[in-house]
């Protein structure tokens, strides 16, 4: 996977914040961690591969989920669309509040 730095920085959309460095990301919702993993921008496609842990029967079970959508980058803003499921609120316009890391 080729490292992409053109998206490095802090991006915000309402209550969500995503910090991107290369192909890694951490997302926050209202200041609390929401997801963490790998982010890929391939042509017009966006792929988030997020690693989580689920508490069940007094044991943490790791699981990975993949989220797919579309994106455009125009004038320093990312517009995300076609995301469904738990990450549906990622759809919309993301503004860069801090460039680079």
PDB file of N, CA and C in Angstrom:
ATOM      1  N   UNK A   1       0.847  -1.177   0.000  1.00  0.00           N
ATOM      2  CA  UNK A   1       0.000   0.000   0.000  1.00  0.00           C
ATOM      3  C   UNK A   1       0.892   1.239   0.000  1.00  0.00           C
ATOM      4  N   UNK A   2       0.695   2.095  -0.975  1.00  0.00           N
ATOM      5  CA  UNK A   2       1.478   3.310  -1.085  1.00  0.00           C
ATOM      6  C   UNK A   2       1.007   4.332  -0.058  1.00  0.00           C
ATOM      7  N   UNK A   3       1.957   4.973   0.611  1.00  0.00           N
ATOM      8  CA  UNK A   3       1.613   5.975   1.617  1.00  0.00           C
ATOM      9  C   UNK A   3       1.171   7.260   0.933  1.00  0.00           C
ATOM     10  N   UNK A   4       0.007   7.759   1.323  1.00  0.00           N
ATOM     11  CA  UNK A   4      -0.566   8.968   0.748  1.00  0.00           C
ATOM     12  C   UNK A   4      -0.571  10.047   1.813  1.00  0.00           C
ATOM     13  N   UNK A   5       0.137  11.162   1.578  1.00  0.00           N
ATOM     14  CA  UNK A   5       0.199  12.218   2.590  1.00  0.00           C
ATOM     15  C   UNK A   5      -0.638  13.443   2.228  1.00  0.00           C
ATOM     16  N   UNK A   6      -1.287  13.434   1.064  1.00  0.00           N
ATOM     17  CA  UNK A   6      -2.041  14.621   0.658  1.00  0.00           C
ATOM     18  C   UNK A   6      -3.255  14.870   1.557  1.00  0.00           C
ATOM     19  N   UNK A   7      -3.688  13.860   2.310  1.00  0.00           N
ATOM     20  CA  UNK A   7      -4.829  14.018   3.212  1.00  0.00           C
ATOM     21  C   UNK A   7      -4.406  14.188   4.675  1.00  0.00           C
ATOM     22  N   UNK A   8      -3.099  14.226   4.943  1.00  0.00           N
ATOM     23  CA  UNK A   8      -2.620  14.361   6.319  1.00  0.00           C
ATOM     24  C   UNK A   8      -3.174  15.616   6.971  1.00  0.00           C
ATOM     25  N   UNK A   9      -3.711  15.453   8.175  1.00  0.00           N
ATOM     26  CA  UNK A   9      -4.234  16.589   8.919  1.00  0.00           C
ATOM     27  C   UNK A   9      -5.447  16.219   9.746  1.00  0.00           C
ATOM     28  N   UNK A  10      -6.065  17.227  10.309  1.00  0.00           N
ATOM     29  CA  UNK A  10      -7.293  17.072  11.085  1.00  0.00           C
ATOM     30  C   UNK A  10      -8.464  17.524  10.226  1.00  0.00           C
ATOM     31  N   UNK A  11      -9.492  16.693  10.143  1.00  0.00           N
ATOM     32  CA  UNK A  11     -10.670  16.960   9.329  1.00  0.00           C
ATOM     33  C   UNK A  11     -11.901  16.908  10.225  1.00  0.00           C
ATOM     34  N   UNK A  12     -12.825  17.845  10.033  1.00  0.00           N
ATOM     35  CA  UNK A  12     -14.024  17.898  10.873  1.00  0.00           C
ATOM     36  C   UNK A  12     -15.287  17.958  10.029  1.00  0.00           C
ATOM     37  N   UNK A  13     -16.323  17.299  10.568  1.00  0.00           N
ATOM     38  CA  UNK A  13     -17.660  17.286   9.979  1.00  0.00           C
ATOM     39  C   UNK A  13     -18.630  17.216  11.150  1.00  0.00           C
ATOM     40  N   UNK A  14     -19.163  18.356  11.566  1.00  0.00           N
ATOM     41  CA  UNK A  14     -20.092  18.366  12.700  1.00  0.00           C
ATOM     42  C   UNK A  14     -19.411  17.886  13.966  1.00  0.00           C
ATOM     43  N   UNK A  15     -19.957  16.850  14.575  1.00  0.00           N
ATOM     44  CA  UNK A  15     -19.426  16.312  15.831  1.00  0.00           C
ATOM     45  C   UNK A  15     -18.255  15.352  15.617  1.00  0.00           C
ATOM     46  N   UNK A  16     -17.966  15.024  14.361  1.00  0.00           N
ATOM     47  CA  UNK A  16     -16.888  14.090  14.052  1.00  0.00           C
ATOM     48  C   UNK A  16     -15.589  14.818  13.735  1.00  0.00           C
ATOM     49  N   UNK A  17     -14.491  14.193  14.119  1.00  0.00           N
ATOM     50  CA  UNK A  17     -13.144  14.663  13.796  1.00  0.00           C
ATOM     51  C   UNK A  17     -12.339  13.434  13.390  1.00  0.00           C
ATOM     52  N   UNK A  18     -11.588  13.548  12.305  1.00  0.00           N
ATOM     53  CA  UNK A  18     -10.714  12.466  11.860  1.00  0.00           C
ATOM     54  C   UNK A  18      -9.311  13.021  11.721  1.00  0.00           C
ATOM     55  N   UNK A  19      -8.359  12.340  12.327  1.00  0.00           N
ATOM     56  CA  UNK A  19      -6.951  12.711  12.243  1.00  0.00           C
ATOM     57  C   UNK A  19      -6.287  11.690  11.327  1.00  0.00           C
ATOM     58  N   UNK A  20      -5.713  12.170  10.217  1.00  0.00           N
ATOM     59  CA  UNK A  20      -5.104  11.286   9.225  1.00  0.00           C
ATOM     60  C   UNK A  20      -3.609  11.555   9.161  1.00  0.00           C
ATOM     61  N   UNK A  21      -2.846  10.474   9.159  1.00  0.00           N
ATOM     62  CA  UNK A  21      -1.399  10.555   8.951  1.00  0.00           C
ATOM     63  C   UNK A  21      -1.017   9.383   8.064  1.00  0.00           C
ATOM     64  N   UNK A  22      -0.675   9.698   6.817  1.00  0.00           N
ATOM     65  CA  UNK A  22      -0.371   8.640   5.859  1.00  0.00           C
ATOM     66  C   UNK A  22      -1.624   7.829   5.583  1.00  0.00           C
ATOM     67  N   UNK A  23      -1.551   6.525   5.834  1.00  0.00           N
ATOM     68  CA  UNK A  23      -2.703   5.658   5.617  1.00  0.00           C
ATOM     69  C   UNK A  23      -3.379   5.266   6.937  1.00  0.00           C
ATOM     70  N   UNK A  24      -3.036   5.929   8.016  1.00  0.00           N
ATOM     71  CA  UNK A  24      -3.626   5.642   9.329  1.00  0.00           C
ATOM     72  C   UNK A  24      -4.587   6.750   9.717  1.00  0.00           C
ATOM     73  N   UNK A  25      -5.616   6.381  10.463  1.00  0.00           N
ATOM     74  CA  UNK A  25      -6.555   7.394  10.941  1.00  0.00           C
ATOM     75  C   UNK A  25      -7.047   7.043  12.349  1.00  0.00           C
ATOM     76  N   UNK A  26      -7.456   8.078  13.056  1.00  0.00           N
ATOM     77  CA  UNK A  26      -8.171   7.958  14.325  1.00  0.00           C
ATOM     78  C   UNK A  26      -9.372   8.876  14.190  1.00  0.00           C
ATOM     79  N   UNK A  27     -10.560   8.362  14.504  1.00  0.00           N
ATOM     80  CA  UNK A  27     -11.747   9.219  14.445  1.00  0.00           C
ATOM     81  C   UNK A  27     -12.292   9.432  15.844  1.00  0.00           C
ATOM     82  N   UNK A  28     -12.826  10.617  16.054  1.00  0.00           N
ATOM     83  CA  UNK A  28     -13.404  11.007  17.340  1.00  0.00           C
ATOM     84  C   UNK A  28     -14.825  11.492  17.106  1.00  0.00           C
ATOM     85  N   UNK A  29     -15.701  11.177  18.049  1.00  0.00           N
ATOM     86  CA  UNK A  29     -17.070  11.680  18.030  1.00  0.00           C
ATOM     87  C   UNK A  29     -17.305  12.377  19.356  1.00  0.00           C
ATOM     88  N   UNK A  30     -17.595  13.669  19.305  1.00  0.00           N
ATOM     89  CA  UNK A  30     -17.746  14.474  20.521  1.00  0.00           C
ATOM     90  C   UNK A  30     -16.540  14.331  21.448  1.00  0.00           C
ATOM     91  N   UNK A  31     -15.342  14.216  20.868  1.00  0.00           N
ATOM     92  CA  UNK A  31     -14.121  14.141  21.653  1.00  0.00           C
ATOM     93  C   UNK A  31     -13.740  12.744  22.124  1.00  0.00           C
ATOM     94  N   UNK A  32     -14.572  11.734  21.867  1.00  0.00           N
ATOM     95  CA  UNK A  32     -14.282  10.362  22.283  1.00  0.00           C
ATOM     96  C   UNK A  32     -13.927   9.512  21.074  1.00  0.00           C
ATOM     97  N   UNK A  33     -12.983   8.593  21.260  1.00  0.00           N
ATOM     98  CA  UNK A  33     -12.547   7.750  20.153  1.00  0.00           C
ATOM     99  C   UNK A  33     -13.715   6.948  19.593  1.00  0.00           C
ATOM    100  N   UNK A  34     -13.839   6.997  18.269  1.00  0.00           N
ATOM    101  CA  UNK A  34     -14.928   6.309  17.575  1.00  0.00           C
ATOM    102  C   UNK A  34     -14.394   5.171  16.715  1.00  0.00           C
ATOM    103  N   UNK A  35     -13.208   5.344  16.169  1.00  0.00           N
ATOM    104  CA  UNK A  35     -12.614   4.313  15.332  1.00  0.00           C
ATOM    105  C   UNK A  35     -11.142   4.593  15.119  1.00  0.00           C
ATOM    106  N   UNK A  36     -10.434   3.569  14.667  1.00  0.00           N
ATOM    107  CA  UNK A  36      -9.000   3.694  14.426  1.00  0.00           C
ATOM    108  C   UNK A  36      -8.624   2.616  13.431  1.00  0.00           C
ATOM    109  N   UNK A  37      -7.740   2.949  12.505  1.00  0.00           N
ATOM    110  CA  UNK A  37      -7.324   1.926  11.564  1.00  0.00           C
ATOM    111  C   UNK A  37      -6.614   2.498  10.360  1.00  0.00           C
ATOM    112  N   UNK A  38      -6.914   1.909   9.211  1.00  0.00           N
ATOM    113  CA  UNK A  38      -6.287   2.276   7.950  1.00  0.00           C
ATOM    114  C   UNK A  38      -7.324   2.973   7.073  1.00  0.00           C
ATOM    115  N   UNK A  39      -6.901   4.026   6.399  1.00  0.00           N
ATOM    116  CA  UNK A  39      -7.771   4.740   5.468  1.00  0.00           C
ATOM    117  C   UNK A  39      -7.086   4.745   4.105  1.00  0.00           C
ATOM    118  N   UNK A  40      -7.872   4.456   3.070  1.00  0.00           N
ATOM    119  CA  UNK A  40      -7.341   4.445   1.714  1.00  0.00           C
ATOM    120  C   UNK A  40      -8.231   5.298   0.812  1.00  0.00           C
ATOM    121  N   UNK A  41      -7.586   6.126   0.011  1.00  0.00           N
ATOM    122  CA  UNK A  41      -8.261   6.926  -1.008  1.00  0.00           C
ATOM    123  C   UNK A  41      -7.775   6.374  -2.342  1.00  0.00           C
ATOM    124  N   UNK A  42      -8.628   5.622  -3.028  1.00  0.00           N
ATOM    125  CA  UNK A  42      -8.250   4.962  -4.275  1.00  0.00           C
ATOM    126  C   UNK A  42      -9.198   5.457  -5.362  1.00  0.00           C
ATOM    127  N   UNK A  43      -8.640   6.231  -6.308  1.00  0.00           N
ATOM    128  CA  UNK A  43      -9.454   6.885  -7.332  1.00  0.00           C
ATOM    129  C   UNK A  43     -10.543   7.683  -6.624  1.00  0.00           C
ATOM    130  N   UNK A  44     -11.815   7.408  -6.842  1.00  0.00           N
ATOM    131  CA  UNK A  44     -12.890   8.126  -6.146  1.00  0.00           C
ATOM    132  C   UNK A  44     -13.443   7.338  -4.959  1.00  0.00           C
ATOM    133  N   UNK A  45     -12.784   6.224  -4.617  1.00  0.00           N
ATOM    134  CA  UNK A  45     -13.259   5.347  -3.543  1.00  0.00           C
ATOM    135  C   UNK A  45     -12.531   5.593  -2.230  1.00  0.00           C
ATOM    136  N   UNK A  46     -13.288   5.502  -1.150  1.00  0.00           N
ATOM    137  CA  UNK A  46     -12.769   5.629   0.211  1.00  0.00           C
ATOM    138  C   UNK A  46     -12.986   4.297   0.914  1.00  0.00           C
ATOM    139  N   UNK A  47     -11.942   3.780   1.564  1.00  0.00           N
ATOM    140  CA  UNK A  47     -12.059   2.538   2.321  1.00  0.00           C
ATOM    141  C   UNK A  47     -11.460   2.758   3.713  1.00  0.00           C
ATOM    142  N   UNK A  48     -12.283   2.541   4.735  1.00  0.00           N
ATOM    143  CA  UNK A  48     -11.818   2.569   6.128  1.00  0.00           C
ATOM    144  C   UNK A  48     -11.781   1.132   6.626  1.00  0.00           C
ATOM    145  N   UNK A  49     -10.648   0.714   7.117  1.00  0.00           N
ATOM    146  CA  UNK A  49     -10.548  -0.596   7.763  1.00  0.00           C
ATOM    147  C   UNK A  49     -10.301  -0.307   9.234  1.00  0.00           C
ATOM    148  N   UNK A  50     -11.313  -0.540  10.042  1.00  0.00           N
ATOM    149  CA  UNK A  50     -11.302  -0.142  11.441  1.00  0.00           C
ATOM    150  C   UNK A  50     -11.193  -1.362  12.346  1.00  0.00           C
ATOM    151  N   UNK A  51     -10.316  -1.272  13.335  1.00  0.00           N
ATOM    152  CA  UNK A  51     -10.134  -2.351  14.299  1.00  0.00           C
ATOM    153  C   UNK A  51     -10.741  -1.925  15.637  1.00  0.00           C
ATOM    154  N   UNK A  52     -11.546  -2.804  16.206  1.00  0.00           N
ATOM    155  CA  UNK A  52     -12.226  -2.531  17.474  1.00  0.00           C
ATOM    156  C   UNK A  52     -12.071  -3.722  18.408  1.00  0.00           C
ATOM    157  N   UNK A  53     -12.570  -3.554  19.601  1.00  0.00           N
ATOM    158  CA  UNK A  53     -12.682  -4.664  20.539  1.00  0.00           C
ATOM    159  C   UNK A  53     -14.113  -4.696  21.062  1.00  0.00           C
ATOM    160  N   UNK A  54     -14.630  -5.891  21.237  1.00  0.00           N
ATOM    161  CA  UNK A  54     -16.000  -6.086  21.715  1.00  0.00           C
ATOM    162  C   UNK A  54     -15.949  -6.883  23.018  1.00  0.00           C
ATOM    163  N   UNK A  55     -16.636  -6.392  24.033  1.00  0.00           N
ATOM    164  CA  UNK A  55     -16.656  -7.033  25.347  1.00  0.00           C
ATOM    165  C   UNK A  55     -17.769  -8.064  25.375  1.00  0.00           C
ATOM    166  N   UNK A  56     -17.416  -9.337  25.592  1.00  0.00           N
ATOM    167  CA  UNK A  56     -18.411 -10.397  25.637  1.00  0.00           C
ATOM    168  C   UNK A  56     -17.909 -11.496  26.556  1.00  0.00           C
ATOM    169  N   UNK A  57     -18.761 -11.920  27.460  1.00  0.00           N
ATOM    170  CA  UNK A  57     -18.416 -12.992  28.407  1.00  0.00           C
ATOM    171  C   UNK A  57     -17.122 -12.689  29.169  1.00  0.00           C
ATOM    172  N   UNK A  58     -16.952 -11.417  29.570  1.00  0.00           N
ATOM    173  CA  UNK A  58     -15.809 -10.968  30.358  1.00  0.00           C
ATOM    174  C   UNK A  58     -14.482 -11.075  29.621  1.00  0.00           C
ATOM    175  N   UNK A  59     -14.535 -11.061  28.292  1.00  0.00           N
ATOM    176  CA  UNK A  59     -13.324 -11.138  27.471  1.00  0.00           C
ATOM    177  C   UNK A  59     -13.443 -10.108  26.348  1.00  0.00           C
ATOM    178  N   UNK A  60     -12.331  -9.453  26.000  1.00  0.00           N
ATOM    179  CA  UNK A  60     -12.296  -8.550  24.868  1.00  0.00           C
ATOM    180  C   UNK A  60     -12.013  -9.348  23.616  1.00  0.00           C
ATOM    181  N   UNK A  61     -12.886  -9.227  22.624  1.00  0.00           N
ATOM    182  CA  UNK A  61     -12.716  -9.899  21.338  1.00  0.00           C
ATOM    183  C   UNK A  61     -12.444  -8.833  20.271  1.00  0.00           C
ATOM    184  N   UNK A  62     -11.284  -8.880  19.626  1.00  0.00           N
ATOM    185  CA  UNK A  62     -11.027  -7.913  18.556  1.00  0.00           C
ATOM    186  C   UNK A  62     -11.824  -8.265  17.305  1.00  0.00           C
ATOM    187  N   UNK A  63     -12.255  -7.251  16.586  1.00  0.00           N
ATOM    188  CA  UNK A  63     -12.883  -7.481  15.296  1.00  0.00           C
ATOM    189  C   UNK A  63     -12.543  -6.329  14.361  1.00  0.00           C
ATOM    190  N   UNK A  64     -12.589  -6.604  13.083  1.00  0.00           N
ATOM    191  CA  UNK A  64     -12.245  -5.623  12.062  1.00  0.00           C
ATOM    192  C   UNK A  64     -13.470  -5.415  11.184  1.00  0.00           C
ATOM    193  N   UNK A  65     -13.764  -4.159  10.886  1.00  0.00           N
ATOM    194  CA  UNK A  65     -14.847  -3.876   9.950  1.00  0.00           C
ATOM    195  C   UNK A  65     -14.312  -2.987   8.839  1.00  0.00           C
ATOM    196  N   UNK A  66     -14.845  -3.200   7.646  1.00  0.00           N
ATOM    197  CA  UNK A  66     -14.440  -2.414   6.500  1.00  0.00           C
ATOM    198  C   UNK A  66     -15.628  -1.571   6.049  1.00  0.00           C
ATOM    199  N   UNK A  67     -15.372  -0.287   5.850  1.00  0.00           N
ATOM    200  CA  UNK A  67     -16.405   0.659   5.450  1.00  0.00           C
ATOM    201  C   UNK A  67     -15.988   1.244   4.103  1.00  0.00           C
ATOM    202  N   UNK A  68     -16.917   1.244   3.151  1.00  0.00           N
ATOM    203  CA  UNK A  68     -16.622   1.744   1.811  1.00  0.00           C
ATOM    204  C   UNK A  68     -17.560   2.880   1.437  1.00  0.00           C
ATOM    205  N   UNK A  69     -17.025   3.838   0.694  1.00  0.00           N
ATOM    206  CA  UNK A  69     -17.815   4.952   0.204  1.00  0.00           C
ATOM    207  C   UNK A  69     -17.111   5.629  -0.954  1.00  0.00           C
ATOM    208  N   UNK A  70     -17.602   6.778  -1.321  1.00  0.00           N
ATOM    209  CA  UNK A  70     -17.036   7.591  -2.394  1.00  0.00           C
ATOM    210  C   UNK A  70     -16.576   8.915  -1.801  1.00  0.00           C
ATOM    211  N   UNK A  71     -15.624   9.567  -2.504  1.00  0.00           N
ATOM    212  CA  UNK A  71     -15.180  10.874  -2.038  1.00  0.00           C
ATOM    213  C   UNK A  71     -14.766  11.744  -3.215  1.00  0.00           C
ATOM    214  N   UNK A  72     -14.805  13.055  -2.976  1.00  0.00           N
ATOM    215  CA  UNK A  72     -14.205  14.036  -3.877  1.00  0.00           C
ATOM    216  C   UNK A  72     -13.436  15.026  -3.022  1.00  0.00           C
ATOM    217  N   UNK A  73     -12.342  15.524  -3.539  1.00  0.00           N
ATOM    218  CA  UNK A  73     -11.536  16.537  -2.854  1.00  0.00           C
ATOM    219  C   UNK A  73     -11.533  17.779  -3.731  1.00  0.00           C
ATOM    220  N   UNK A  74     -12.182  18.847  -3.236  1.00  0.00           N
ATOM    221  CA  UNK A  74     -12.272  20.095  -3.985  1.00  0.00           C
ATOM    222  C   UNK A  74     -12.006  21.259  -3.032  1.00  0.00           C
ATOM    223  N   UNK A  75     -11.050  22.107  -3.413  1.00  0.00           N
ATOM    224  CA  UNK A  75     -10.726  23.307  -2.626  1.00  0.00           C
ATOM    225  C   UNK A  75     -10.480  23.004  -1.150  1.00  0.00           C
ATOM    226  N   UNK A  76      -9.753  21.954  -0.859  1.00  0.00           N
ATOM    227  CA  UNK A  76      -9.400  21.644   0.529  1.00  0.00           C
ATOM    228  C   UNK A  76     -10.518  21.040   1.353  1.00  0.00           C
ATOM    229  N   UNK A  77     -11.621  20.640   0.721  1.00  0.00           N
ATOM    230  CA  UNK A  77     -12.715  19.978   1.433  1.00  0.00           C
ATOM    231  C   UNK A  77     -12.953  18.605   0.815  1.00  0.00           C
ATOM    232  N   UNK A  78     -13.224  17.638   1.677  1.00  0.00           N
ATOM    233  CA  UNK A  78     -13.553  16.294   1.208  1.00  0.00           C
ATOM    234  C   UNK A  78     -15.057  16.115   1.350  1.00  0.00           C
ATOM    235  N   UNK A  79     -15.704  15.726   0.264  1.00  0.00           N
ATOM    236  CA  UNK A  79     -17.118  15.363   0.325  1.00  0.00           C
ATOM    237  C   UNK A  79     -17.200  13.851   0.258  1.00  0.00           C
ATOM    238  N   UNK A  80     -17.789  13.241   1.278  1.00  0.00           N
ATOM    239  CA  UNK A  80     -17.919  11.785   1.369  1.00  0.00           C
ATOM    240  C   UNK A  80     -19.378  11.415   1.146  1.00  0.00           C
ATOM    241  N   UNK A  81     -19.588  10.339   0.386  1.00  0.00           N
ATOM    242  CA  UNK A  81     -20.943   9.867   0.105  1.00  0.00           C
ATOM    243  C   UNK A  81     -20.958   8.346   0.001  1.00  0.00           C
ATOM    244  N   UNK A  82     -22.159   7.794  -0.050  1.00  0.00           N
ATOM    245  CA  UNK A  82     -22.405   6.358  -0.254  1.00  0.00           C
ATOM    246  C   UNK A  82     -21.944   5.467   0.896  1.00  0.00           C
ATOM    247  N   UNK A  83     -21.713   6.017   2.071  1.00  0.00           N
ATOM    248  CA  UNK A  83     -21.391   5.181   3.227  1.00  0.00           C
ATOM    249  C   UNK A  83     -22.699   4.797   3.901  1.00  0.00           C
ATOM    250  N   UNK A  84     -22.812   3.521   4.229  1.00  0.00           N
ATOM    251  CA  UNK A  84     -24.008   3.008   4.892  1.00  0.00           C
ATOM    252  C   UNK A  84     -23.632   2.398   6.237  1.00  0.00           C
ATOM    253  N   UNK A  85     -24.628   2.077   7.039  1.00  0.00           N
ATOM    254  CA  UNK A  85     -24.395   1.394   8.307  1.00  0.00           C
ATOM    255  C   UNK A  85     -23.961   2.329   9.413  1.00  0.00           C
ATOM    256  N   UNK A  86     -23.145   1.819  10.308  1.00  0.00           N
ATOM    257  CA  UNK A  86     -22.736   2.538  11.513  1.00  0.00           C
ATOM    258  C   UNK A  86     -21.999   3.840  11.210  1.00  0.00           C
ATOM    259  N   UNK A  87     -21.354   3.930  10.065  1.00  0.00           N
ATOM    260  CA  UNK A  87     -20.581   5.117   9.712  1.00  0.00           C
ATOM    261  C   UNK A  87     -21.344   6.069   8.780  1.00  0.00           C
ATOM    262  N   UNK A  88     -22.638   5.922   8.658  1.00  0.00           N
ATOM    263  CA  UNK A  88     -23.432   6.739   7.741  1.00  0.00           C
ATOM    264  C   UNK A  88     -23.255   8.236   8.004  1.00  0.00           C
ATOM    265  N   UNK A  89     -23.007   8.633   9.244  1.00  0.00           N
ATOM    266  CA  UNK A  89     -22.832  10.048   9.569  1.00  0.00           C
ATOM    267  C   UNK A  89     -21.530  10.628   9.026  1.00  0.00           C
ATOM    268  N   UNK A  90     -20.669   9.785   8.467  1.00  0.00           N
ATOM    269  CA  UNK A  90     -19.451  10.280   7.817  1.00  0.00           C
ATOM    270  C   UNK A  90     -19.772  10.961   6.489  1.00  0.00           C
ATOM    271  N   UNK A  91     -20.934  10.667   5.913  1.00  0.00           N
ATOM    272  CA  UNK A  91     -21.328  11.319   4.665  1.00  0.00           C
ATOM    273  C   UNK A  91     -21.468  12.814   4.897  1.00  0.00           C
ATOM    274  N   UNK A  92     -20.968  13.587   3.952  1.00  0.00           N
ATOM    275  CA  UNK A  92     -21.056  15.040   4.064  1.00  0.00           C
ATOM    276  C   UNK A  92     -19.734  15.699   3.747  1.00  0.00           C
ATOM    277  N   UNK A  93     -19.642  16.974   4.085  1.00  0.00           N
ATOM    278  CA  UNK A  93     -18.448  17.767   3.785  1.00  0.00           C
ATOM    279  C   UNK A  93     -17.527  17.820   4.994  1.00  0.00           C
ATOM    280  N   UNK A  94     -16.270  17.477   4.777  1.00  0.00           N
ATOM    281  CA  UNK A  94     -15.223  17.498   5.795  1.00  0.00           C
ATOM    282  C   UNK A  94     -14.266  18.640   5.486  1.00  0.00           C
ATOM    283  N   UNK A  95     -14.025  19.482   6.474  1.00  0.00           N
ATOM    284  CA  UNK A  95     -13.113  20.613   6.307  1.00  0.00           C
ATOM    285  C   UNK A  95     -11.818  20.341   7.061  1.00  0.00           C
ATOM    286  N   UNK A  96     -10.710  20.691   6.435  1.00  0.00           N
ATOM    287  CA  UNK A  96      -9.409  20.518   7.061  1.00  0.00           C
ATOM    288  C   UNK A  96      -9.190  21.669   8.040  1.00  0.00           C
ATOM    289  N   UNK A  97      -8.994  21.341   9.325  1.00  0.00           N
ATOM    290  CA  UNK A  97      -8.775  22.358  10.343  1.00  0.00           C
ATOM    291  C   UNK A  97      -7.311  22.489  10.708  1.00  0.00           C
ATOM    292  N   UNK A  98      -6.518  21.472  10.348  1.00  0.00           N
ATOM    293  CA  UNK A  98      -5.094  21.509  10.621  1.00  0.00           C
ATOM    294  C   UNK A  98      -4.409  20.628   9.586  1.00  0.00           C
ATOM    295  N   UNK A  99      -3.553  21.200   8.763  1.00  0.00           N
ATOM    296  CA  UNK A  99      -2.902  20.458   7.701  1.00  0.00           C
ATOM    297  C   UNK A  99      -1.617  19.806   8.205  1.00  0.00           C
ATOM    298  N   UNK A 100      -1.382  18.566   7.758  1.00  0.00           N
ATOM    299  CA  UNK A 100      -0.136  17.848   8.064  1.00  0.00           C
ATOM    300  C   UNK A 100      -0.035  17.353   9.484  1.00  0.00           C
ATOM    301  N   UNK A 101       0.910  16.436   9.699  1.00  0.00           N
ATOM    302  CA  UNK A 101       1.226  15.920  11.048  1.00  0.00           C
ATOM    303  C   UNK A 101       2.644  15.467  11.090  1.00  0.00           C
TER     304      UNK A 101
END
